[in-house]
Structure formats: C-alpha cells, structure tokens
PDB file of N, CA and C in Angstrom:
ATOM      1  N   LEU A   1    -172.145 155.678 123.784  1.00  0.00           N
ATOM      2  CA  LEU A   1    -171.310 154.590 123.476  1.00  0.00           C
ATOM      3  C   LEU A   1    -171.652 153.953 122.082  1.00  0.00           C
ATOM      4  N   GLY A   2    -172.987 154.022 121.761  1.00  0.00           N
ATOM      5  CA  GLY A   2    -173.452 153.477 120.397  1.00  0.00           C
ATOM      6  C   GLY A   2    -173.870 151.929 120.620  1.00  0.00           C
ATOM      7  N   PHE A   3    -174.002 151.418 121.810  1.00  0.00           N
ATOM      8  CA  PHE A   3    -174.385 150.056 121.939  1.00  0.00           C
ATOM      9  C   PHE A   3    -175.767 149.904 121.560  1.00  0.00           C
ATOM     10  N   LYS A   4    -176.092 149.008 120.657  1.00  0.00           N
ATOM     11  CA  LYS A   4    -177.428 148.740 120.070  1.00  0.00           C
ATOM     12  C   LYS A   4    -178.329 147.638 120.814  1.00  0.00           C
ATOM     13  N   GLY A   5    -177.625 146.838 121.577  1.00  0.00           N
ATOM     14  CA  GLY A   5    -178.357 145.736 122.221  1.00  0.00           C
ATOM     15  C   GLY A   5    -179.038 146.111 123.553  1.00  0.00           C
ATOM     16  N   TRP A   6    -179.493 145.041 124.195  1.00  0.00           N
ATOM     17  CA  TRP A   6    -180.118 145.263 125.540  1.00  0.00           C
ATOM     18  C   TRP A   6    -179.156 144.707 126.583  1.00  0.00           C
ATOM     19  N   VAL A   7    -179.325 145.277 127.822  1.00  0.00           N
ATOM     20  CA  VAL A   7    -178.478 144.952 128.961  1.00  0.00           C
ATOM     21  C   VAL A   7    -179.192 144.077 129.787  1.00  0.00           C
ATOM     22  N   MET A   8    -178.653 142.893 130.146  1.00  0.00           N
ATOM     23  CA  MET A   8    -179.383 141.834 130.980  1.00  0.00           C
ATOM     24  C   MET A   8    -178.480 141.592 132.253  1.00  0.00           C
ATOM     25  N   SER A   9    -179.083 141.490 133.229  1.00  0.00           N
ATOM     26  CA  SER A   9    -178.134 141.241 134.520  1.00  0.00           C
ATOM     27  C   SER A   9    -177.724 139.867 134.589  1.00  0.00           C
ATOM     28  N   ASP A  10    -176.682 139.633 135.310  1.00  0.00           N
ATOM     29  CA  ASP A  10    -176.217 138.179 135.606  1.00  0.00           C
ATOM     30  C   ASP A  10    -177.269 137.655 136.474  1.00  0.00           C
ATOM     31  N   TRP A  11    -177.551 136.301 136.579  1.00  0.00           N
ATOM     32  CA  TRP A  11    -178.554 135.636 137.342  1.00  0.00           C
ATOM     33  C   TRP A  11    -178.329 135.996 138.823  1.00  0.00           C
ATOM     34  N   LEU A  12    -179.348 136.573 139.367  1.00  0.00           N
ATOM     35  CA  LEU A  12    -179.512 136.965 140.871  1.00  0.00           C
ATOM     36  C   LEU A  12    -178.572 137.967 141.282  1.00  0.00           C
ATOM     37  N   ALA A  13    -177.993 138.858 140.353  1.00  0.00           N
ATOM     38  CA  ALA A  13    -177.016 139.734 140.717  1.00  0.00           C
ATOM     39  C   ALA A  13    -177.622 141.140 140.869  1.00  0.00           C
ATOM     40  N   THR A  14    -178.959 141.368 140.575  1.00  0.00           N
ATOM     41  CA  THR A  14    -179.493 142.657 140.804  1.00  0.00           C
ATOM     42  C   THR A  14    -180.093 142.771 142.114  1.00  0.00           C
ATOM     43  N   GLN A  15    -179.807 143.815 142.663  1.00  0.00           N
ATOM     44  CA  GLN A  15    -180.310 144.062 144.141  1.00  0.00           C
ATOM     45  C   GLN A  15    -181.412 145.127 144.107  1.00  0.00           C
ATOM     46  N   SER A  16    -181.689 145.748 142.984  1.00  0.00           N
ATOM     47  CA  SER A  16    -182.696 146.787 143.006  1.00  0.00           C
ATOM     48  C   SER A  16    -183.077 146.918 141.424  1.00  0.00           C
ATOM     49  N   GLN A  17    -184.206 147.576 141.208  1.00  0.00           N
ATOM     50  CA  GLN A  17    -184.540 147.797 139.817  1.00  0.00           C
ATOM     51  C   GLN A  17    -183.597 148.906 139.279  1.00  0.00           C
ATOM     52  N   SER A  18    -182.873 148.658 138.283  1.00  0.00           N
ATOM     53  CA  SER A  18    -181.954 149.676 137.727  1.00  0.00           C
ATOM     54  C   SER A  18    -182.098 150.144 136.331  1.00  0.00           C
ATOM     55  N   ILE A  19    -183.363 150.240 135.989  1.00  0.00           N
ATOM     56  CA  ILE A  19    -183.691 150.656 134.654  1.00  0.00           C
ATOM     57  C   ILE A  19    -183.154 152.077 134.238  1.00  0.00           C
ATOM     58  N   ASN A  20    -183.063 152.984 135.332  1.00  0.00           N
ATOM     59  CA  ASN A  20    -182.569 154.265 134.877  1.00  0.00           C
ATOM     60  C   ASN A  20    -181.098 154.291 134.842  1.00  0.00           C
ATOM     61  N   GLU A  21    -180.337 153.244 135.319  1.00  0.00           N
ATOM     62  CA  GLU A  21    -179.035 153.151 135.126  1.00  0.00           C
ATOM     63  C   GLU A  21    -178.549 152.328 133.919  1.00  0.00           C
ATOM     64  N   GLY A  22    -179.485 151.729 133.193  1.00  0.00           N
ATOM     65  CA  GLY A  22    -179.358 151.086 131.941  1.00  0.00           C
ATOM     66  C   GLY A  22    -179.650 149.646 131.790  1.00  0.00           C
ATOM     67  N   LEU A  23    -180.136 148.990 132.907  1.00  0.00           N
ATOM     68  CA  LEU A  23    -180.580 147.576 132.970  1.00  0.00           C
ATOM     69  C   LEU A  23    -181.879 147.523 132.194  1.00  0.00           C
ATOM     70  N   ASP A  24    -181.939 146.673 131.206  1.00  0.00           N
ATOM     71  CA  ASP A  24    -183.098 146.289 130.472  1.00  0.00           C
ATOM     72  C   ASP A  24    -183.870 145.076 130.987  1.00  0.00           C
ATOM     73  N   GLN A  25    -183.196 144.050 131.395  1.00  0.00           N
ATOM     74  CA  GLN A  25    -183.803 142.765 131.837  1.00  0.00           C
ATOM     75  C   GLN A  25    -183.063 142.140 133.011  1.00  0.00           C
ATOM     76  N   GLU A  26    -183.774 141.953 134.062  1.00  0.00           N
ATOM     77  CA  GLU A  26    -183.349 141.214 135.202  1.00  0.00           C
ATOM     78  C   GLU A  26    -183.531 139.756 135.066  1.00  0.00           C
ATOM     79  N   MET A  27    -182.519 138.999 135.406  1.00  0.00           N
ATOM     80  CA  MET A  27    -182.508 137.546 135.299  1.00  0.00           C
ATOM     81  C   MET A  27    -182.365 136.880 136.663  1.00  0.00           C
ATOM     82  N   PRO A  28    -183.124 135.891 136.988  1.00  0.00           N
ATOM     83  CA  PRO A  28    -183.830 135.039 135.913  1.00  0.00           C
ATOM     84  C   PRO A  28    -185.323 135.402 135.952  1.00  0.00           C
ATOM     85  N   ALA A  29    -185.866 136.138 137.051  1.00  0.00           N
ATOM     86  CA  ALA A  29    -187.262 136.284 137.182  1.00  0.00           C
ATOM     87  C   ALA A  29    -187.767 137.641 137.299  1.00  0.00           C
ATOM     88  N   GLY A  30    -186.922 138.669 137.282  1.00  0.00           N
ATOM     89  CA  GLY A  30    -187.304 140.057 137.334  1.00  0.00           C
ATOM     90  C   GLY A  30    -187.929 140.253 138.689  1.00  0.00           C
ATOM     91  N   LEU A  31    -187.207 139.866 139.775  1.00  0.00           N
ATOM     92  CA  LEU A  31    -187.569 140.038 141.197  1.00  0.00           C
ATOM     93  C   LEU A  31    -187.638 141.560 141.550  1.00  0.00           C
ATOM     94  N   ALA A  32    -186.491 142.229 141.308  1.00  0.00           N
ATOM     95  CA  ALA A  32    -186.514 143.655 141.654  1.00  0.00           C
ATOM     96  C   ALA A  32    -187.365 144.564 140.537  1.00  0.00           C
ATOM     97  N   MET A  33    -187.266 144.080 139.404  1.00  0.00           N
ATOM     98  CA  MET A  33    -187.901 144.899 138.341  1.00  0.00           C
ATOM     99  C   MET A  33    -189.349 144.635 138.101  1.00  0.00           C
ATOM    100  N   SER A  34    -189.899 144.048 139.055  1.00  0.00           N
ATOM    101  CA  SER A  34    -191.491 143.859 138.987  1.00  0.00           C
ATOM    102  C   SER A  34    -191.973 144.861 139.997  1.00  0.00           C
ATOM    103  N   VAL A  35    -192.095 144.546 141.341  1.00  0.00           N
ATOM    104  CA  VAL A  35    -192.695 145.271 142.272  1.00  0.00           C
ATOM    105  C   VAL A  35    -192.009 146.582 142.459  1.00  0.00           C
ATOM    106  N   GLU A  36    -190.639 146.528 142.492  1.00  0.00           N
ATOM    107  CA  GLU A  36    -189.864 147.854 142.674  1.00  0.00           C
ATOM    108  C   GLU A  36    -190.147 148.734 141.529  1.00  0.00           C
ATOM    109  N   LEU A  37    -190.102 148.266 140.320  1.00  0.00           N
ATOM    110  CA  LEU A  37    -190.214 149.070 139.076  1.00  0.00           C
ATOM    111  C   LEU A  37    -191.695 149.633 138.996  1.00  0.00           C
ATOM    112  N   LYS A  38    -192.665 148.908 139.298  1.00  0.00           N
ATOM    113  CA  LYS A  38    -193.985 149.404 139.257  1.00  0.00           C
ATOM    114  C   LYS A  38    -194.186 150.511 140.314  1.00  0.00           C
ATOM    115  N   ALA A  39    -193.549 150.387 141.465  1.00  0.00           N
ATOM    116  CA  ALA A  39    -193.680 151.494 142.474  1.00  0.00           C
ATOM    117  C   ALA A  39    -192.806 152.727 142.049  1.00  0.00           C
ATOM    118  N   ALA A  40    -191.734 152.559 141.327  1.00  0.00           N
ATOM    119  CA  ALA A  40    -190.856 153.684 140.887  1.00  0.00           C
ATOM    120  C   ALA A  40    -191.535 154.353 139.768  1.00  0.00           C
ATOM    121  N   ILE A  41    -192.301 153.633 138.921  1.00  0.00           N
ATOM    122  CA  ILE A  41    -193.067 154.344 137.953  1.00  0.00           C
ATOM    123  C   ILE A  41    -194.289 155.164 138.522  1.00  0.00           C
ATOM    124  N   ALA A  42    -194.969 154.533 139.426  1.00  0.00           N
ATOM    125  CA  ALA A  42    -196.070 155.176 139.991  1.00  0.00           C
ATOM    126  C   ALA A  42    -195.547 156.509 140.939  1.00  0.00           C
ATOM    127  N   ALA A  43    -194.420 156.388 141.458  1.00  0.00           N
ATOM    128  CA  ALA A  43    -193.895 157.583 142.205  1.00  0.00           C
ATOM    129  C   ALA A  43    -193.132 158.585 141.270  1.00  0.00           C
ATOM    130  N   GLY A  44    -193.058 158.259 140.021  1.00  0.00           N
ATOM    131  CA  GLY A  44    -192.452 159.275 139.036  1.00  0.00           C
ATOM    132  C   GLY A  44    -190.863 159.193 139.011  1.00  0.00           C
ATOM    133  N   ARG A  45    -190.340 158.173 139.583  1.00  0.00           N
ATOM    134  CA  ARG A  45    -188.835 157.937 139.635  1.00  0.00           C
ATOM    135  C   ARG A  45    -188.319 157.331 138.291  1.00  0.00           C
ATOM    136  N   VAL A  46    -189.340 156.686 137.595  1.00  0.00           N
ATOM    137  CA  VAL A  46    -189.069 156.031 136.331  1.00  0.00           C
ATOM    138  C   VAL A  46    -190.136 156.501 135.360  1.00  0.00           C
ATOM    139  N   LYS A  47    -189.729 157.041 134.181  1.00  0.00           N
ATOM    140  CA  LYS A  47    -190.637 157.356 133.144  1.00  0.00           C
ATOM    141  C   LYS A  47    -191.037 156.257 132.307  1.00  0.00           C
ATOM    142  N   ILE A  48    -192.312 156.154 131.930  1.00  0.00           N
ATOM    143  CA  ILE A  48    -192.844 155.109 130.986  1.00  0.00           C
ATOM    144  C   ILE A  48    -191.939 155.129 129.680  1.00  0.00           C
ATOM    145  N   SER A  49    -191.520 156.298 129.244  1.00  0.00           N
ATOM    146  CA  SER A  49    -190.811 156.293 128.064  1.00  0.00           C
ATOM    147  C   SER A  49    -189.343 155.473 128.331  1.00  0.00           C
ATOM    148  N   LYS A  50    -188.876 155.452 129.583  1.00  0.00           N
ATOM    149  CA  LYS A  50    -187.733 154.511 129.815  1.00  0.00           C
ATOM    150  C   LYS A  50    -187.983 153.174 129.639  1.00  0.00           C
ATOM    151  N   VAL A  51    -189.212 152.725 130.182  1.00  0.00           N
ATOM    152  CA  VAL A  51    -189.619 151.277 130.078  1.00  0.00           C
ATOM    153  C   VAL A  51    -189.725 151.085 128.545  1.00  0.00           C
ATOM    154  N   ASP A  52    -190.505 151.975 127.884  1.00  0.00           N
ATOM    155  CA  ASP A  52    -190.679 151.673 126.430  1.00  0.00           C
ATOM    156  C   ASP A  52    -189.318 151.423 125.680  1.00  0.00           C
ATOM    157  N   ASP A  53    -188.407 152.201 126.006  1.00  0.00           N
ATOM    158  CA  ASP A  53    -186.978 152.145 125.373  1.00  0.00           C
ATOM    159  C   ASP A  53    -186.555 150.761 125.705  1.00  0.00           C
ATOM    160  N   SER A  54    -186.558 150.349 126.938  1.00  0.00           N
ATOM    161  CA  SER A  54    -186.036 148.922 127.290  1.00  0.00           C
ATOM    162  C   SER A  54    -186.757 147.865 126.627  1.00  0.00           C
ATOM    163  N   VAL A  55    -188.056 147.958 126.439  1.00  0.00           N
ATOM    164  CA  VAL A  55    -188.918 147.010 125.784  1.00  0.00           C
ATOM    165  C   VAL A  55    -188.533 146.954 124.304  1.00  0.00           C
ATOM    166  N   GLN A  56    -188.360 148.095 123.714  1.00  0.00           N
ATOM    167  CA  GLN A  56    -187.927 148.195 122.342  1.00  0.00           C
ATOM    168  C   GLN A  56    -186.578 147.475 122.110  1.00  0.00           C
ATOM    169  N   ARG A  57    -185.556 147.782 122.986  1.00  0.00           N
ATOM    170  CA  ARG A  57    -184.301 147.165 122.873  1.00  0.00           C
ATOM    171  C   ARG A  57    -184.291 145.636 122.994  1.00  0.00           C
ATOM    172  N   ILE A  58    -185.266 145.061 123.785  1.00  0.00           N
ATOM    173  CA  ILE A  58    -185.478 143.648 123.903  1.00  0.00           C
ATOM    174  C   ILE A  58    -186.149 143.108 122.789  1.00  0.00           C
ATOM    175  N   LEU A  59    -187.213 143.710 122.302  1.00  0.00           N
ATOM    176  CA  LEU A  59    -188.109 142.994 121.341  1.00  0.00           C
ATOM    177  C   LEU A  59    -187.672 143.222 119.829  1.00  0.00           C
ATOM    178  N   VAL A  60    -187.030 144.236 119.509  1.00  0.00           N
ATOM    179  CA  VAL A  60    -186.529 144.453 118.164  1.00  0.00           C
ATOM    180  C   VAL A  60    -185.647 143.369 117.684  1.00  0.00           C
ATOM    181  N   PRO A  61    -184.590 142.941 118.336  1.00  0.00           N
ATOM    182  CA  PRO A  61    -183.709 141.873 117.929  1.00  0.00           C
ATOM    183  C   PRO A  61    -184.449 140.551 117.947  1.00  0.00           C
ATOM    184  N   LEU A  62    -185.379 140.233 118.860  1.00  0.00           N
ATOM    185  CA  LEU A  62    -186.142 138.988 118.829  1.00  0.00           C
ATOM    186  C   LEU A  62    -187.041 138.888 117.655  1.00  0.00           C
ATOM    187  N   ILE A  63    -187.732 140.058 117.371  1.00  0.00           N
ATOM    188  CA  ILE A  63    -188.618 140.189 116.236  1.00  0.00           C
ATOM    189  C   ILE A  63    -187.682 140.088 114.869  1.00  0.00           C
ATOM    190  N   THR A  64    -186.654 140.746 114.801  1.00  0.00           N
ATOM    191  CA  THR A  64    -185.768 140.742 113.693  1.00  0.00           C
ATOM    192  C   THR A  64    -185.180 139.362 113.323  1.00  0.00           C
ATOM    193  N   ALA A  65    -184.950 138.595 114.463  1.00  0.00           N
ATOM    194  CA  ALA A  65    -184.364 137.266 114.257  1.00  0.00           C
ATOM    195  C   ALA A  65    -185.497 136.086 114.106  1.00  0.00           C
ATOM    196  N   GLY A  66    -186.749 136.723 114.128  1.00  0.00           N
ATOM    197  CA  GLY A  66    -187.944 135.679 113.999  1.00  0.00           C
ATOM    198  C   GLY A  66    -188.191 134.723 115.086  1.00  0.00           C
ATOM    199  N   ILE A  67    -187.587 135.057 116.212  1.00  0.00           N
ATOM    200  CA  ILE A  67    -187.759 134.247 117.369  1.00  0.00           C
ATOM    201  C   ILE A  67    -189.127 134.213 117.876  1.00  0.00           C
ATOM    202  N   LEU A  68    -189.848 135.313 117.737  1.00  0.00           N
ATOM    203  CA  LEU A  68    -191.150 135.316 118.263  1.00  0.00           C
ATOM    204  C   LEU A  68    -192.197 134.694 117.233  1.00  0.00           C
ATOM    205  N   ASP A  69    -191.787 134.348 116.142  1.00  0.00           N
ATOM    206  CA  ASP A  69    -192.574 133.759 115.145  1.00  0.00           C
ATOM    207  C   ASP A  69    -192.803 132.204 115.452  1.00  0.00           C
ATOM    208  N   LYS A  70    -191.882 131.586 116.221  1.00  0.00           N
ATOM    209  CA  LYS A  70    -192.083 130.295 116.517  1.00  0.00           C
ATOM    210  C   LYS A  70    -192.766 129.985 117.860  1.00  0.00           C
ATOM    211  N   PRO A  71    -193.637 129.085 117.981  1.00  0.00           N
ATOM    212  CA  PRO A  71    -194.265 128.729 119.293  1.00  0.00           C
ATOM    213  C   PRO A  71    -193.200 128.273 120.280  1.00  0.00           C
ATOM    214  N   ASN A  72    -193.344 128.759 121.527  1.00  0.00           N
ATOM    215  CA  ASN A  72    -192.416 128.253 122.617  1.00  0.00           C
ATOM    216  C   ASN A  72    -193.134 127.061 123.330  1.00  0.00           C
ATOM    217  N   ASN A  73    -192.751 125.945 123.038  1.00  0.00           N
ATOM    218  CA  ASN A  73    -193.354 124.712 123.652  1.00  0.00           C
ATOM    219  C   ASN A  73    -192.490 124.115 124.750  1.00  0.00           C
ATOM    220  N   ASN A  74    -191.484 124.884 125.200  1.00  0.00           N
ATOM    221  CA  ASN A  74    -190.520 124.395 126.194  1.00  0.00           C
ATOM    222  C   ASN A  74    -191.416 124.218 127.515  1.00  0.00           C
ATOM    223  N   LYS A  75    -190.944 123.255 128.281  1.00  0.00           N
ATOM    224  CA  LYS A  75    -191.404 122.921 129.546  1.00  0.00           C
ATOM    225  C   LYS A  75    -190.183 122.766 130.523  1.00  0.00           C
ATOM    226  N   ILE A  76    -190.324 122.746 131.728  1.00  0.00           N
ATOM    227  CA  ILE A  76    -189.204 122.629 132.698  1.00  0.00           C
ATOM    228  C   ILE A  76    -188.549 121.397 132.445  1.00  0.00           C
ATOM    229  N   GLY A  77    -188.929 120.437 131.893  1.00  0.00           N
ATOM    230  CA  GLY A  77    -188.304 119.132 131.579  1.00  0.00           C
ATOM    231  C   GLY A  77    -187.429 119.231 130.324  1.00  0.00           C
ATOM    232  N   THR A  78    -187.582 120.298 129.564  1.00  0.00           N
ATOM    233  CA  THR A  78    -186.704 120.376 128.443  1.00  0.00           C
ATOM    234  C   THR A  78    -185.745 121.534 128.516  1.00  0.00           C
ATOM    235  N   ASN A  79    -185.360 121.843 129.799  1.00  0.00           N
ATOM    236  CA  ASN A  79    -184.397 122.890 130.002  1.00  0.00           C
ATOM    237  C   ASN A  79    -182.984 122.431 129.487  1.00  0.00           C
ATOM    238  N   VAL A  80    -182.158 123.231 129.540  1.00  0.00           N
ATOM    239  CA  VAL A  80    -180.712 123.024 129.032  1.00  0.00           C
ATOM    240  C   VAL A  80    -179.700 122.845 130.002  1.00  0.00           C
ATOM    241  N   THR A  81    -180.067 122.088 131.098  1.00  0.00           N
ATOM    242  CA  THR A  81    -179.122 121.874 132.272  1.00  0.00           C
ATOM    243  C   THR A  81    -178.606 120.460 132.230  1.00  0.00           C
ATOM    244  N   GLY A  82    -178.948 119.678 131.279  1.00  0.00           N
ATOM    245  CA  GLY A  82    -178.443 118.329 131.204  1.00  0.00           C
ATOM    246  C   GLY A  82    -177.122 118.129 130.788  1.00  0.00           C
ATOM    247  N   ALA A  83    -176.555 116.938 130.904  1.00  0.00           N
ATOM    248  CA  ALA A  83    -175.108 116.572 130.638  1.00  0.00           C
ATOM    249  C   ALA A  83    -174.770 117.042 129.155  1.00  0.00           C
ATOM    250  N   GLU A  84    -175.662 116.672 128.139  1.00  0.00           N
ATOM    251  CA  GLU A  84    -175.354 116.928 126.720  1.00  0.00           C
ATOM    252  C   GLU A  84    -175.285 118.473 126.540  1.00  0.00           C
ATOM    253  N   SER A  85    -176.275 119.203 127.216  1.00  0.00           N
ATOM    254  CA  SER A  85    -176.178 120.713 127.097  1.00  0.00           C
ATOM    255  C   SER A  85    -175.000 121.316 127.617  1.00  0.00           C
ATOM    256  N   ARG A  86    -174.537 120.820 128.892  1.00  0.00           N
ATOM    257  CA  ARG A  86    -173.287 121.320 129.567  1.00  0.00           C
ATOM    258  C   ARG A  86    -172.166 121.121 128.742  1.00  0.00           C
ATOM    259  N   ALA A  87    -172.058 119.900 128.062  1.00  0.00           N
ATOM    260  CA  ALA A  87    -170.979 119.547 127.195  1.00  0.00           C
ATOM    261  C   ALA A  87    -170.841 120.520 126.050  1.00  0.00           C
ATOM    262  N   THR A  88    -171.995 120.729 125.442  1.00  0.00           N
ATOM    263  CA  THR A  88    -172.015 121.711 124.310  1.00  0.00           C
ATOM    264  C   THR A  88    -171.666 123.076 124.667  1.00  0.00           C
ATOM    265  N   ALA A  89    -172.113 123.570 125.917  1.00  0.00           N
ATOM    266  CA  ALA A  89    -171.596 124.962 126.251  1.00  0.00           C
ATOM    267  C   ALA A  89    -170.149 124.898 126.518  1.00  0.00           C
ATOM    268  N   ARG A  90    -169.711 123.823 127.084  1.00  0.00           N
ATOM    269  CA  ARG A  90    -168.205 123.852 127.442  1.00  0.00           C
ATOM    270  C   ARG A  90    -167.386 123.862 126.128  1.00  0.00           C
ATOM    271  N   ARG A  91    -167.832 123.066 125.217  1.00  0.00           N
ATOM    272  CA  ARG A  91    -167.155 122.921 123.822  1.00  0.00           C
ATOM    273  C   ARG A  91    -167.206 124.401 123.225  1.00  0.00           C
ATOM    274  N   LEU A  92    -168.406 125.033 123.168  1.00  0.00           N
ATOM    275  CA  LEU A  92    -168.499 126.328 122.522  1.00  0.00           C
ATOM    276  C   LEU A  92    -167.688 127.450 123.204  1.00  0.00           C
ATOM    277  N   ALA A  93    -167.562 127.291 124.551  1.00  0.00           N
ATOM    278  CA  ALA A  93    -166.786 128.303 125.294  1.00  0.00           C
ATOM    279  C   ALA A  93    -165.302 128.101 124.898  1.00  0.00           C
ATOM    280  N   ALA A  94    -164.872 126.826 124.979  1.00  0.00           N
ATOM    281  CA  ALA A  94    -163.415 126.555 124.576  1.00  0.00           C
ATOM    282  C   ALA A  94    -163.175 127.108 123.184  1.00  0.00           C
ATOM    283  N   GLU A  95    -164.037 126.854 122.333  1.00  0.00           N
ATOM    284  CA  GLU A  95    -163.821 127.203 120.827  1.00  0.00           C
ATOM    285  C   GLU A  95    -163.780 128.681 120.712  1.00  0.00           C
ATOM    286  N   GLY A  96    -164.470 129.341 121.557  1.00  0.00           N
ATOM    287  CA  GLY A  96    -164.574 130.852 121.428  1.00  0.00           C
ATOM    288  C   GLY A  96    -163.428 131.529 122.172  1.00  0.00           C
ATOM    289  N   MET A  97    -162.636 130.755 122.876  1.00  0.00           N
ATOM    290  CA  MET A  97    -161.597 131.613 123.724  1.00  0.00           C
ATOM    291  C   MET A  97    -160.336 131.782 122.907  1.00  0.00           C
ATOM    292  N   VAL A  98    -159.724 132.949 123.252  1.00  0.00           N
ATOM    293  CA  VAL A  98    -158.492 133.347 122.630  1.00  0.00           C
ATOM    294  C   VAL A  98    -157.375 133.679 123.777  1.00  0.00           C
ATOM    295  N   LEU A  99    -156.351 132.854 123.698  1.00  0.00           N
ATOM    296  CA  LEU A  99    -155.289 133.025 124.721  1.00  0.00           C
ATOM    297  C   LEU A  99    -154.342 133.831 124.126  1.00  0.00           C
ATOM    298  N   LEU A 100    -153.905 135.005 124.805  1.00  0.00           N
ATOM    299  CA  LEU A 100    -152.913 135.939 124.343  1.00  0.00           C
ATOM    300  C   LEU A 100    -151.594 135.644 125.047  1.00  0.00           C
ATOM    301  N   GLN A 101    -150.571 135.668 124.360  1.00  0.00           N
ATOM    302  CA  GLN A 101    -149.208 135.569 124.916  1.00  0.00           C
ATOM    303  C   GLN A 101    -148.542 136.923 124.583  1.00  0.00           C
ATOM    304  N   ASN A 102    -147.902 137.509 125.415  1.00  0.00           N
ATOM    305  CA  ASN A 102    -147.300 138.822 125.284  1.00  0.00           C
ATOM    306  C   ASN A 102    -145.887 138.684 124.810  1.00  0.00           C
ATOM    307  N   ASP A 103    -145.840 138.052 123.686  1.00  0.00           N
ATOM    308  CA  ASP A 103    -144.393 137.992 123.034  1.00  0.00           C
ATOM    309  C   ASP A 103    -144.003 139.349 122.615  1.00  0.00           C
ATOM    310  N   GLY A 104    -142.653 139.560 122.997  1.00  0.00           N
ATOM    311  CA  GLY A 104    -142.091 140.845 122.438  1.00  0.00           C
ATOM    312  C   GLY A 104    -142.625 142.105 123.319  1.00  0.00           C
ATOM    313  N   ALA A 105    -143.366 141.838 124.465  1.00  0.00           N
ATOM    314  CA  ALA A 105    -143.836 142.893 125.241  1.00  0.00           C
ATOM    315  C   ALA A 105    -144.635 143.891 124.480  1.00  0.00           C
ATOM    316  N   VAL A 106    -145.539 143.455 123.522  1.00  0.00           N
ATOM    317  CA  VAL A 106    -146.440 144.224 122.726  1.00  0.00           C
ATOM    318  C   VAL A 106    -147.458 144.849 123.627  1.00  0.00           C
ATOM    319  N   LEU A 107    -147.968 144.058 124.560  1.00  0.00           N
ATOM    320  CA  LEU A 107    -149.020 144.578 125.354  1.00  0.00           C
ATOM    321  C   LEU A 107    -148.474 145.344 126.593  1.00  0.00           C
ATOM    322  N   PRO A 108    -149.178 146.295 127.227  1.00  0.00           N
ATOM    323  CA  PRO A 108    -150.405 146.947 126.712  1.00  0.00           C
ATOM    324  C   PRO A 108    -150.153 147.767 125.390  1.00  0.00           C
ATOM    325  N   LEU A 109    -151.025 147.937 124.650  1.00  0.00           N
ATOM    326  CA  LEU A 109    -151.014 148.755 123.442  1.00  0.00           C
ATOM    327  C   LEU A 109    -150.931 150.257 123.873  1.00  0.00           C
ATOM    328  N   GLY A 110    -150.344 151.066 123.109  1.00  0.00           N
ATOM    329  CA  GLY A 110    -150.244 152.418 123.375  1.00  0.00           C
ATOM    330  C   GLY A 110    -151.515 153.061 122.992  1.00  0.00           C
ATOM    331  N   THR A 111    -151.755 154.288 123.529  1.00  0.00           N
ATOM    332  CA  THR A 111    -152.928 154.996 123.326  1.00  0.00           C
ATOM    333  C   THR A 111    -153.071 155.452 121.760  1.00  0.00           C
ATOM    334  N   GLY A 112    -154.211 155.316 121.278  1.00  0.00           N
ATOM    335  CA  GLY A 112    -154.433 155.602 119.791  1.00  0.00           C
ATOM    336  C   GLY A 112    -154.065 154.506 118.907  1.00  0.00           C
ATOM    337  N   VAL A 113    -153.602 153.248 119.387  1.00  0.00           N
ATOM    338  CA  VAL A 113    -153.341 152.242 118.570  1.00  0.00           C
ATOM    339  C   VAL A 113    -154.565 151.551 118.141  1.00  0.00           C
ATOM    340  N   LYS A 114    -154.884 151.184 116.952  1.00  0.00           N
ATOM    341  CA  LYS A 114    -156.036 150.519 116.516  1.00  0.00           C
ATOM    342  C   LYS A 114    -155.602 149.183 115.946  1.00  0.00           C
ATOM    343  N   VAL A 115    -156.278 148.024 116.290  1.00  0.00           N
ATOM    344  CA  VAL A 115    -155.911 146.773 115.852  1.00  0.00           C
ATOM    345  C   VAL A 115    -157.027 146.222 114.885  1.00  0.00           C
ATOM    346  N   ALA A 116    -158.137 146.873 114.759  1.00  0.00           N
ATOM    347  CA  ALA A 116    -159.217 146.185 113.976  1.00  0.00           C
ATOM    348  C   ALA A 116    -159.998 147.483 113.233  1.00  0.00           C
TER     349      ALA A 116
END
C-alpha cells in the first residue's frame, strides 16, 4: 500500500501481540507486546527482523522531527488531560472536520474517479 508511517493501536484495543499483522506499537503500555512478543520471538513465530522493521518505522519519524533531541521532563502531573488540554483538543478536532453534503447526488463517486 505504500504507507510509510507506523501503526499504533487504539488504547486498550489490542488483545494479543500483532506485530506479524502490522501492529508496530500497542497503547498505552504494551501489555500484549511485551511478554507475548518476547515469547513469540523465542518460539520463532516472530522474527527479530520484523521487530527491527517496527522499531525503524517508529524511530525514524521521531528522529527526523528532532523529538528525541529534547529531554522529556514530563511527569504524571503534567499530562494533557486537564480542562485546557481537552478544550484545545476539541477545538482542533472541530477545525479539522469536513462535513459533506451530497448535493446533486454526486456521491458515491464512480470507479476510477480521482478528486486529488
């Protein structure tokens, strides 16, 4: 498909380590991708090269963006679950939404139609 990013699970949505199926990062804590992944590697069900690929997909964008150049001084008290952070997240989500109206019955687009 040509996707260049990494695949991260929804929070607590992963029921097993799924690295062979394309999951690179389990959120929030890597519960299945810790003990289960280690066992799968030891049993030969997951190749180290697969882990290396996942690590590379995660680290390259972080390194490219310079995120790892800055010290992480965050503590549990500085998380982003406060009222101000929720308001910012809501505003950004609202600004990023596009509402489509099917004027003239344009949708669904026919096969082979390109819009971008």
